């Protein structure tokens, strides 16, 4: 429970959520490009 009081758990979760959003964005971009069928 000390890690919750010190805010450490919240920091870990904030980092994860930001990175997860970054990866979701990258995957969405690639799916869009794939639909455009850019073979080059």
ModelCIF file with pLDDT and N, C-alpha, C, O atoms, coordinates in Angstrom:
data_MODEL
#
_entry.id   MODEL 
#
_entity.id                         1 
_entity.type                       polymer 
_entity.pdbx_number_of_molecules   1 
#
_entity_poly.entity_id                      1 
_entity_poly.type                           'polypeptide(L)' 
_entity_poly.nstd_linkage                   no 
_entity_poly.nstd_monomer                   no 
_entity_poly.pdbx_seq_one_letter_code       
;(UNK)(UNK)(UNK)(UNK)(UNK)(UNK)(UNK)(UNK)(UNK)(UNK)(UNK)(UNK)(UNK)(UNK)(UNK)(UNK)
(UNK)(UNK)(UNK)(UNK)(UNK)(UNK)(UNK)(UNK)(UNK)(UNK)(UNK)(UNK)(UNK)(UNK)(UNK)(UNK)
(UNK)(UNK)(UNK)(UNK)(UNK)(UNK)(UNK)(UNK)
;
_entity_poly.pdbx_seq_one_letter_code_can   XXXXXXXXXXXXXXXXXXXXXXXXXXXXXXXXXXXXXXXX 
_entity_poly.pdbx_strand_id                 A 
#
loop_
_entity_poly_seq.entity_id 
_entity_poly_seq.num 
_entity_poly_seq.mon_id 
_entity_poly_seq.hetero 
1 1  UNK n 
1 2  UNK n 
1 3  UNK n 
1 4  UNK n 
1 5  UNK n 
1 6  UNK n 
1 7  UNK n 
1 8  UNK n 
1 9  UNK n 
1 10 UNK n 
1 11 UNK n 
1 12 UNK n 
1 13 UNK n 
1 14 UNK n 
1 15 UNK n 
1 16 UNK n 
1 17 UNK n 
1 18 UNK n 
1 19 UNK n 
1 20 UNK n 
1 21 UNK n 
1 22 UNK n 
1 23 UNK n 
1 24 UNK n 
1 25 UNK n 
1 26 UNK n 
1 27 UNK n 
1 28 UNK n 
1 29 UNK n 
1 30 UNK n 
1 31 UNK n 
1 32 UNK n 
1 33 UNK n 
1 34 UNK n 
1 35 UNK n 
1 36 UNK n 
1 37 UNK n 
1 38 UNK n 
1 39 UNK n 
1 40 UNK n 
#
_struct_asym.id          A 
_struct_asym.entity_id   1 
#
loop_
_ma_qa_metric.id 
_ma_qa_metric.mode 
_ma_qa_metric.name 
_ma_qa_metric.software_group_id 
_ma_qa_metric.type 
1 global pLDDT . pLDDT 
2 local  pLDDT . pLDDT 
#
_ma_qa_metric_global.metric_id      1 
_ma_qa_metric_global.metric_value   89.25 
_ma_qa_metric_global.model_id       1 
_ma_qa_metric_global.ordinal_id     1 
#
loop_
_ma_qa_metric_local.label_asym_id 
_ma_qa_metric_local.label_comp_id 
_ma_qa_metric_local.label_seq_id 
_ma_qa_metric_local.metric_id 
_ma_qa_metric_local.metric_value 
_ma_qa_metric_local.model_id 
_ma_qa_metric_local.ordinal_id 
A UNK 1  2 96.00 1 1  
A UNK 2  2 95.00 1 2  
A UNK 3  2 96.00 1 3  
A UNK 4  2 96.00 1 4  
A UNK 5  2 96.00 1 5  
A UNK 6  2 95.00 1 6  
A UNK 7  2 96.00 1 7  
A UNK 8  2 96.00 1 8  
A UNK 9  2 97.00 1 9  
A UNK 10 2 97.00 1 10 
A UNK 11 2 97.00 1 11 
A UNK 12 2 97.00 1 12 
A UNK 13 2 97.00 1 13 
A UNK 14 2 96.00 1 14 
A UNK 15 2 95.00 1 15 
A UNK 16 2 96.00 1 16 
A UNK 17 2 96.00 1 17 
A UNK 18 2 94.00 1 18 
A UNK 19 2 93.00 1 19 
A UNK 20 2 95.00 1 20 
A UNK 21 2 94.00 1 21 
A UNK 22 2 92.00 1 22 
A UNK 23 2 93.00 1 23 
A UNK 24 2 94.00 1 24 
A UNK 25 2 92.00 1 25 
A UNK 26 2 91.00 1 26 
A UNK 27 2 93.00 1 27 
A UNK 28 2 93.00 1 28 
A UNK 29 2 90.00 1 29 
A UNK 30 2 90.00 1 30 
A UNK 31 2 89.00 1 31 
A UNK 32 2 87.00 1 32 
A UNK 33 2 82.00 1 33 
A UNK 34 2 77.00 1 34 
A UNK 35 2 75.00 1 35 
A UNK 36 2 71.00 1 36 
A UNK 37 2 66.00 1 37 
A UNK 38 2 61.00 1 38 
A UNK 39 2 62.00 1 39 
A UNK 40 2 62.00 1 40 
#
loop_
_atom_site.group_PDB 
_atom_site.id 
_atom_site.type_symbol 
_atom_site.label_atom_id 
_atom_site.label_alt_id 
_atom_site.label_comp_id 
_atom_site.label_asym_id 
_atom_site.label_entity_id 
_atom_site.label_seq_id 
_atom_site.pdbx_PDB_ins_code 
_atom_site.Cartn_x 
_atom_site.Cartn_y 
_atom_site.Cartn_z 
_atom_site.occupancy 
_atom_site.B_iso_or_equiv 
_atom_site.pdbx_formal_charge 
_atom_site.auth_seq_id 
_atom_site.auth_comp_id 
_atom_site.auth_asym_id 
_atom_site.auth_atom_id 
_atom_site.pdbx_PDB_model_num 
ATOM 1   N N  . UNK A 1 1  ? 0.820  -1.221 0.000   1.00 96.00 ? 1  UNK A N  1 
ATOM 2   C CA . UNK A 1 1  ? 0.000  0.000  0.000   1.00 96.00 ? 1  UNK A CA 1 
ATOM 3   C C  . UNK A 1 1  ? 0.852  1.268  0.000   1.00 96.00 ? 1  UNK A C  1 
ATOM 4   O O  . UNK A 1 1  ? 0.377  2.339  -0.376  1.00 96.00 ? 1  UNK A O  1 
ATOM 5   N N  . UNK A 1 2  ? 2.122  1.143  0.426   1.00 95.00 ? 2  UNK A N  1 
ATOM 6   C CA . UNK A 1 2  ? 3.015  2.313  0.436   1.00 95.00 ? 2  UNK A CA 1 
ATOM 7   C C  . UNK A 1 2  ? 3.219  2.832  -0.988  1.00 95.00 ? 2  UNK A C  1 
ATOM 8   O O  . UNK A 1 2  ? 3.302  4.041  -1.204  1.00 95.00 ? 2  UNK A O  1 
ATOM 9   N N  . UNK A 1 3  ? 3.300  1.913  -1.963  1.00 96.00 ? 3  UNK A N  1 
ATOM 10  C CA . UNK A 1 3  ? 3.517  2.320  -3.356  1.00 96.00 ? 3  UNK A CA 1 
ATOM 11  C C  . UNK A 1 3  ? 2.330  3.106  -3.904  1.00 96.00 ? 3  UNK A C  1 
ATOM 12  O O  . UNK A 1 3  ? 2.485  3.926  -4.810  1.00 96.00 ? 3  UNK A O  1 
ATOM 13  N N  . UNK A 1 4  ? 1.159  2.856  -3.357  1.00 96.00 ? 4  UNK A N  1 
ATOM 14  C CA . UNK A 1 4  ? -0.020 3.624  -3.757  1.00 96.00 ? 4  UNK A CA 1 
ATOM 15  C C  . UNK A 1 4  ? 0.042  5.019  -3.144  1.00 96.00 ? 4  UNK A C  1 
ATOM 16  O O  . UNK A 1 4  ? -0.233 6.016  -3.813  1.00 96.00 ? 4  UNK A O  1 
ATOM 17  N N  . UNK A 1 5  ? 0.404  5.078  -1.866  1.00 96.00 ? 5  UNK A N  1 
ATOM 18  C CA . UNK A 1 5  ? 0.477  6.375  -1.186  1.00 96.00 ? 5  UNK A CA 1 
ATOM 19  C C  . UNK A 1 5  ? 1.534  7.283  -1.795  1.00 96.00 ? 5  UNK A C  1 
ATOM 20  O O  . UNK A 1 5  ? 1.330  8.492  -1.898  1.00 96.00 ? 5  UNK A O  1 
ATOM 21  N N  . UNK A 1 6  ? 2.673  6.704  -2.202  1.00 95.00 ? 6  UNK A N  1 
ATOM 22  C CA . UNK A 1 6  ? 3.763  7.520  -2.769  1.00 95.00 ? 6  UNK A CA 1 
ATOM 23  C C  . UNK A 1 6  ? 3.513  7.904  -4.225  1.00 95.00 ? 6  UNK A C  1 
ATOM 24  O O  . UNK A 1 6  ? 4.251  8.711  -4.790  1.00 95.00 ? 6  UNK A O  1 
ATOM 25  N N  . UNK A 1 7  ? 2.476  7.330  -4.835  1.00 96.00 ? 7  UNK A N  1 
ATOM 26  C CA . UNK A 1 7  ? 2.156  7.660  -6.221  1.00 96.00 ? 7  UNK A CA 1 
ATOM 27  C C  . UNK A 1 7  ? 2.897  6.832  -7.251  1.00 96.00 ? 7  UNK A C  1 
ATOM 28  O O  . UNK A 1 7  ? 2.763  7.068  -8.452  1.00 96.00 ? 7  UNK A O  1 
ATOM 29  N N  . UNK A 1 8  ? 3.685  5.857  -6.790  1.00 96.00 ? 8  UNK A N  1 
ATOM 30  C CA . UNK A 1 8  ? 4.492  5.072  -7.721  1.00 96.00 ? 8  UNK A CA 1 
ATOM 31  C C  . UNK A 1 8  ? 3.625  4.240  -8.668  1.00 96.00 ? 8  UNK A C  1 
ATOM 32  O O  . UNK A 1 8  ? 3.903  4.155  -9.864  1.00 96.00 ? 8  UNK A O  1 
ATOM 33  N N  . UNK A 1 9  ? 2.571  3.629  -8.119  1.00 97.00 ? 9  UNK A N  1 
ATOM 34  C CA . UNK A 1 9  ? 1.686  2.809  -8.958  1.00 97.00 ? 9  UNK A CA 1 
ATOM 35  C C  . UNK A 1 9  ? 1.001  3.666  -10.024 1.00 97.00 ? 9  UNK A C  1 
ATOM 36  O O  . UNK A 1 9  ? 0.837  3.239  -11.167 1.00 97.00 ? 9  UNK A O  1 
ATOM 37  N N  . UNK A 1 10 ? 0.607  4.868  -9.637  1.00 97.00 ? 10 UNK A N  1 
ATOM 38  C CA . UNK A 1 10 ? -0.047 5.755  -10.598 1.00 97.00 ? 10 UNK A CA 1 
ATOM 39  C C  . UNK A 1 10 ? 0.907  6.147  -11.725 1.00 97.00 ? 10 UNK A C  1 
ATOM 40  O O  . UNK A 1 10 ? 0.498  6.267  -12.880 1.00 97.00 ? 10 UNK A O  1 
ATOM 41  N N  . UNK A 1 11 ? 2.188  6.345  -11.379 1.00 97.00 ? 11 UNK A N  1 
ATOM 42  C CA . UNK A 1 11 ? 3.177  6.692  -12.408 1.00 97.00 ? 11 UNK A CA 1 
ATOM 43  C C  . UNK A 1 11 ? 3.358  5.543  -13.400 1.00 97.00 ? 11 UNK A C  1 
ATOM 44  O O  . UNK A 1 11 ? 3.410  5.763  -14.610 1.00 97.00 ? 11 UNK A O  1 
ATOM 45  N N  . UNK A 1 12 ? 3.453  4.318  -12.881 1.00 97.00 ? 12 UNK A N  1 
ATOM 46  C CA . UNK A 1 12 ? 3.595  3.158  -13.760 1.00 97.00 ? 12 UNK A CA 1 
ATOM 47  C C  . UNK A 1 12 ? 2.407  3.072  -14.724 1.00 97.00 ? 12 UNK A C  1 
ATOM 48  O O  . UNK A 1 12 ? 2.573  2.859  -15.925 1.00 97.00 ? 12 UNK A O  1 
ATOM 49  N N  . UNK A 1 13 ? 1.202  3.245  -14.160 1.00 97.00 ? 13 UNK A N  1 
ATOM 50  C CA . UNK A 1 13 ? -0.005 3.124  -14.984 1.00 97.00 ? 13 UNK A CA 1 
ATOM 51  C C  . UNK A 1 13 ? -0.094 4.246  -16.012 1.00 97.00 ? 13 UNK A C  1 
ATOM 52  O O  . UNK A 1 13 ? -0.565 4.031  -17.129 1.00 97.00 ? 13 UNK A O  1 
ATOM 53  N N  . UNK A 1 14 ? 0.357  5.447  -15.637 1.00 96.00 ? 14 UNK A N  1 
ATOM 54  C CA . UNK A 1 14 ? 0.331  6.577  -16.581 1.00 96.00 ? 14 UNK A CA 1 
ATOM 55  C C  . UNK A 1 14 ? 1.291  6.333  -17.739 1.00 96.00 ? 14 UNK A C  1 
ATOM 56  O O  . UNK A 1 14 ? 0.962  6.619  -18.890 1.00 96.00 ? 14 UNK A O  1 
ATOM 57  N N  . UNK A 1 15 ? 2.468  5.808  -17.441 1.00 95.00 ? 15 UNK A N  1 
ATOM 58  C CA . UNK A 1 15 ? 3.432  5.487  -18.492 1.00 95.00 ? 15 UNK A CA 1 
ATOM 59  C C  . UNK A 1 15 ? 2.870  4.425  -19.424 1.00 95.00 ? 15 UNK A C  1 
ATOM 60  O O  . UNK A 1 15 ? 2.973  4.534  -20.646 1.00 95.00 ? 15 UNK A O  1 
ATOM 61  N N  . UNK A 1 16 ? 2.271  3.387  -18.826 1.00 96.00 ? 16 UNK A N  1 
ATOM 62  C CA . UNK A 1 16 ? 1.693  2.314  -19.652 1.00 96.00 ? 16 UNK A CA 1 
ATOM 63  C C  . UNK A 1 16 ? 0.596  2.850  -20.564 1.00 96.00 ? 16 UNK A C  1 
ATOM 64  O O  . UNK A 1 16 ? 0.567  2.532  -21.753 1.00 96.00 ? 16 UNK A O  1 
ATOM 65  N N  . UNK A 1 17 ? -0.295 3.650  -20.024 1.00 96.00 ? 17 UNK A N  1 
ATOM 66  C CA . UNK A 1 17 ? -1.413 4.159  -20.826 1.00 96.00 ? 17 UNK A CA 1 
ATOM 67  C C  . UNK A 1 17 ? -0.920 5.018  -21.988 1.00 96.00 ? 17 UNK A C  1 
ATOM 68  O O  . UNK A 1 17 ? -1.482 4.962  -23.082 1.00 96.00 ? 17 UNK A O  1 
ATOM 69  N N  . UNK A 1 18 ? 0.128  5.812  -21.757 1.00 94.00 ? 18 UNK A N  1 
ATOM 70  C CA . UNK A 1 18 ? 0.675  6.652  -22.837 1.00 94.00 ? 18 UNK A CA 1 
ATOM 71  C C  . UNK A 1 18 ? 1.308  5.798  -23.927 1.00 94.00 ? 18 UNK A C  1 
ATOM 72  O O  . UNK A 1 18 ? 1.111  6.048  -25.117 1.00 94.00 ? 18 UNK A O  1 
ATOM 73  N N  . UNK A 1 19 ? 2.075  4.782  -23.510 1.00 93.00 ? 19 UNK A N  1 
ATOM 74  C CA . UNK A 1 19 ? 2.715  3.913  -24.494 1.00 93.00 ? 19 UNK A CA 1 
ATOM 75  C C  . UNK A 1 19 ? 1.681  3.063  -25.228 1.00 93.00 ? 19 UNK A C  1 
ATOM 76  O O  . UNK A 1 19 ? 1.797  2.842  -26.433 1.00 93.00 ? 19 UNK A O  1 
ATOM 77  N N  . UNK A 1 20 ? 0.681  2.594  -24.510 1.00 95.00 ? 20 UNK A N  1 
ATOM 78  C CA . UNK A 1 20 ? -0.370 1.796  -25.145 1.00 95.00 ? 20 UNK A CA 1 
ATOM 79  C C  . UNK A 1 20 ? -1.079 2.612  -26.217 1.00 95.00 ? 20 UNK A C  1 
ATOM 80  O O  . UNK A 1 20 ? -1.399 2.098  -27.289 1.00 95.00 ? 20 UNK A O  1 
ATOM 81  N N  . UNK A 1 21 ? -1.320 3.882  -25.924 1.00 94.00 ? 21 UNK A N  1 
ATOM 82  C CA . UNK A 1 21 ? -1.951 4.768  -26.913 1.00 94.00 ? 21 UNK A CA 1 
ATOM 83  C C  . UNK A 1 21 ? -1.031 4.976  -28.120 1.00 94.00 ? 21 UNK A C  1 
ATOM 84  O O  . UNK A 1 21 ? -1.498 5.039  -29.257 1.00 94.00 ? 21 UNK A O  1 
ATOM 85  N N  . UNK A 1 22 ? 0.280  5.084  -27.868 1.00 92.00 ? 22 UNK A N  1 
ATOM 86  C CA . UNK A 1 22 ? 1.252  5.245  -28.948 1.00 92.00 ? 22 UNK A CA 1 
ATOM 87  C C  . UNK A 1 22 ? 1.236  4.036  -29.876 1.00 92.00 ? 22 UNK A C  1 
ATOM 88  O O  . UNK A 1 22 ? 1.256  4.186  -31.098 1.00 92.00 ? 22 UNK A O  1 
ATOM 89  N N  . UNK A 1 23 ? 1.201  2.833  -29.292 1.00 93.00 ? 23 UNK A N  1 
ATOM 90  C CA . UNK A 1 23 ? 1.184  1.616  -30.103 1.00 93.00 ? 23 UNK A CA 1 
ATOM 91  C C  . UNK A 1 23 ? -0.130 1.473  -30.860 1.00 93.00 ? 23 UNK A C  1 
ATOM 92  O O  . UNK A 1 23 ? -0.140 1.064  -32.021 1.00 93.00 ? 23 UNK A O  1 
ATOM 93  N N  . UNK A 1 24 ? -1.240 1.810  -30.205 1.00 94.00 ? 24 UNK A N  1 
ATOM 94  C CA . UNK A 1 24 ? -2.538 1.766  -30.887 1.00 94.00 ? 24 UNK A CA 1 
ATOM 95  C C  . UNK A 1 24 ? -2.539 2.697  -32.097 1.00 94.00 ? 24 UNK A C  1 
ATOM 96  O O  . UNK A 1 24 ? -3.054 2.357  -33.162 1.00 94.00 ? 24 UNK A O  1 
ATOM 97  N N  . UNK A 1 25 ? -1.959 3.866  -31.910 1.00 92.00 ? 25 UNK A N  1 
ATOM 98  C CA . UNK A 1 25 ? -1.880 4.852  -33.002 1.00 92.00 ? 25 UNK A CA 1 
ATOM 99  C C  . UNK A 1 25 ? -1.044 4.314  -34.154 1.00 92.00 ? 25 UNK A C  1 
ATOM 100 O O  . UNK A 1 25 ? -1.416 4.454  -35.319 1.00 92.00 ? 25 UNK A O  1 
ATOM 101 N N  . UNK A 1 26 ? 0.103  3.689  -33.821 1.00 91.00 ? 26 UNK A N  1 
ATOM 102 C CA . UNK A 1 26 ? 0.972  3.148  -34.864 1.00 91.00 ? 26 UNK A CA 1 
ATOM 103 C C  . UNK A 1 26 ? 0.288  2.012  -35.620 1.00 91.00 ? 26 UNK A C  1 
ATOM 104 O O  . UNK A 1 26 ? 0.393  1.933  -36.844 1.00 91.00 ? 26 UNK A O  1 
ATOM 105 N N  . UNK A 1 27 ? -0.411 1.135  -34.903 1.00 93.00 ? 27 UNK A N  1 
ATOM 106 C CA . UNK A 1 27 ? -1.112 0.017  -35.546 1.00 93.00 ? 27 UNK A CA 1 
ATOM 107 C C  . UNK A 1 27 ? -2.222 0.533  -36.454 1.00 93.00 ? 27 UNK A C  1 
ATOM 108 O O  . UNK A 1 27 ? -2.397 0.038  -37.568 1.00 93.00 ? 27 UNK A O  1 
ATOM 109 N N  . UNK A 1 28 ? -2.975 1.533  -35.980 1.00 93.00 ? 28 UNK A N  1 
ATOM 110 C CA . UNK A 1 28 ? -4.053 2.114  -36.787 1.00 93.00 ? 28 UNK A CA 1 
ATOM 111 C C  . UNK A 1 28 ? -3.498 2.741  -38.070 1.00 93.00 ? 28 UNK A C  1 
ATOM 112 O O  . UNK A 1 28 ? -4.094 2.595  -39.137 1.00 93.00 ? 28 UNK A O  1 
ATOM 113 N N  . UNK A 1 29 ? -2.364 3.436  -37.971 1.00 90.00 ? 29 UNK A N  1 
ATOM 114 C CA . UNK A 1 29 ? -1.729 4.034  -39.150 1.00 90.00 ? 29 UNK A CA 1 
ATOM 115 C C  . UNK A 1 29 ? -1.356 2.966  -40.169 1.00 90.00 ? 29 UNK A C  1 
ATOM 116 O O  . UNK A 1 29 ? -1.554 3.148  -41.371 1.00 90.00 ? 29 UNK A O  1 
ATOM 117 N N  . UNK A 1 30 ? -0.813 1.849  -39.685 1.00 90.00 ? 30 UNK A N  1 
ATOM 118 C CA . UNK A 1 30 ? -0.385 0.789  -40.591 1.00 90.00 ? 30 UNK A CA 1 
ATOM 119 C C  . UNK A 1 30 ? -1.573 0.097  -41.253 1.00 90.00 ? 30 UNK A C  1 
ATOM 120 O O  . UNK A 1 30 ? -1.495 -0.291 -42.419 1.00 90.00 ? 30 UNK A O  1 
ATOM 121 N N  . UNK A 1 31 ? -2.665 -0.059 -40.522 1.00 89.00 ? 31 UNK A N  1 
ATOM 122 C CA . UNK A 1 31 ? -3.856 -0.670 -41.118 1.00 89.00 ? 31 UNK A CA 1 
ATOM 123 C C  . UNK A 1 31 ? -4.432 0.230  -42.209 1.00 89.00 ? 31 UNK A C  1 
ATOM 124 O O  . UNK A 1 31 ? -4.923 -0.254 -43.228 1.00 89.00 ? 31 UNK A O  1 
ATOM 125 N N  . UNK A 1 32 ? -4.367 1.548  -41.985 1.00 87.00 ? 32 UNK A N  1 
ATOM 126 C CA . UNK A 1 32 ? -4.832 2.498  -42.999 1.00 87.00 ? 32 UNK A CA 1 
ATOM 127 C C  . UNK A 1 32 ? -3.971 2.428  -44.250 1.00 87.00 ? 32 UNK A C  1 
ATOM 128 O O  . UNK A 1 32 ? -4.481 2.395  -45.370 1.00 87.00 ? 32 UNK A O  1 
ATOM 129 N N  . UNK A 1 33 ? -2.639 2.405  -44.042 1.00 82.00 ? 33 UNK A N  1 
ATOM 130 C CA . UNK A 1 33 ? -1.716 2.318  -45.179 1.00 82.00 ? 33 UNK A CA 1 
ATOM 131 C C  . UNK A 1 33 ? -1.905 1.015  -45.944 1.00 82.00 ? 33 UNK A C  1 
ATOM 132 O O  . UNK A 1 33 ? -1.775 0.969  -47.167 1.00 82.00 ? 33 UNK A O  1 
ATOM 133 N N  . UNK A 1 34 ? -2.215 -0.043 -45.198 1.00 77.00 ? 34 UNK A N  1 
ATOM 134 C CA . UNK A 1 34 ? -2.426 -1.335 -45.848 1.00 77.00 ? 34 UNK A CA 1 
ATOM 135 C C  . UNK A 1 34 ? -3.652 -1.291 -46.751 1.00 77.00 ? 34 UNK A C  1 
ATOM 136 O O  . UNK A 1 34 ? -3.649 -1.864 -47.841 1.00 77.00 ? 34 UNK A O  1 
ATOM 137 N N  . UNK A 1 35 ? -4.684 -0.620 -46.303 1.00 75.00 ? 35 UNK A N  1 
ATOM 138 C CA . UNK A 1 35 ? -5.901 -0.478 -47.117 1.00 75.00 ? 35 UNK A CA 1 
ATOM 139 C C  . UNK A 1 35 ? -5.625 0.312  -48.386 1.00 75.00 ? 35 UNK A C  1 
ATOM 140 O O  . UNK A 1 35 ? -6.270 0.100  -49.413 1.00 75.00 ? 35 UNK A O  1 
ATOM 141 N N  . UNK A 1 36 ? -4.660 1.227  -48.308 1.00 71.00 ? 36 UNK A N  1 
ATOM 142 C CA . UNK A 1 36 ? -4.290 2.004  -49.490 1.00 71.00 ? 36 UNK A CA 1 
ATOM 143 C C  . UNK A 1 36 ? -3.413 1.205  -50.442 1.00 71.00 ? 36 UNK A C  1 
ATOM 144 O O  . UNK A 1 36 ? -3.147 1.628  -51.567 1.00 71.00 ? 36 UNK A O  1 
ATOM 145 N N  . UNK A 1 37 ? -2.959 0.019  -49.965 1.00 66.00 ? 37 UNK A N  1 
ATOM 146 C CA . UNK A 1 37 ? -2.192 -0.915 -50.808 1.00 66.00 ? 37 UNK A CA 1 
ATOM 147 C C  . UNK A 1 37 ? -0.922 -0.268 -51.365 1.00 66.00 ? 37 UNK A C  1 
ATOM 148 O O  . UNK A 1 37 ? -0.672 -0.289 -52.570 1.00 66.00 ? 37 UNK A O  1 
ATOM 149 N N  . UNK A 1 38 ? -0.130 0.304  -50.459 1.00 61.00 ? 38 UNK A N  1 
ATOM 150 C CA . UNK A 1 38 ? 1.118  0.961  -50.854 1.00 61.00 ? 38 UNK A CA 1 
ATOM 151 C C  . UNK A 1 38 ? 2.263  -0.052 -50.815 1.00 61.00 ? 38 UNK A C  1 
ATOM 152 O O  . UNK A 1 38 ? 2.885  -0.243 -49.771 1.00 61.00 ? 38 UNK A O  1 
ATOM 153 N N  . UNK A 1 39 ? 2.544  -0.703 -51.950 1.00 62.00 ? 39 UNK A N  1 
ATOM 154 C CA . UNK A 1 39 ? 3.553  -1.765 -51.998 1.00 62.00 ? 39 UNK A CA 1 
ATOM 155 C C  . UNK A 1 39 ? 4.979  -1.230 -51.999 1.00 62.00 ? 39 UNK A C  1 
ATOM 156 O O  . UNK A 1 39 ? 5.920  -1.972 -51.721 1.00 62.00 ? 39 UNK A O  1 
ATOM 157 N N  . UNK A 1 40 ? 5.142  0.045  -52.309 1.00 62.00 ? 40 UNK A N  1 
ATOM 158 C CA . UNK A 1 40 ? 6.496  0.604  -52.401 1.00 62.00 ? 40 UNK A CA 1 
ATOM 159 C C  . UNK A 1 40 ? 7.119  0.853  -51.040 1.00 62.00 ? 40 UNK A C  1 
ATOM 160 O O  . UNK A 1 40 ? 8.254  1.320  -50.957 1.00 62.00 ? 40 UNK A O  1 
#
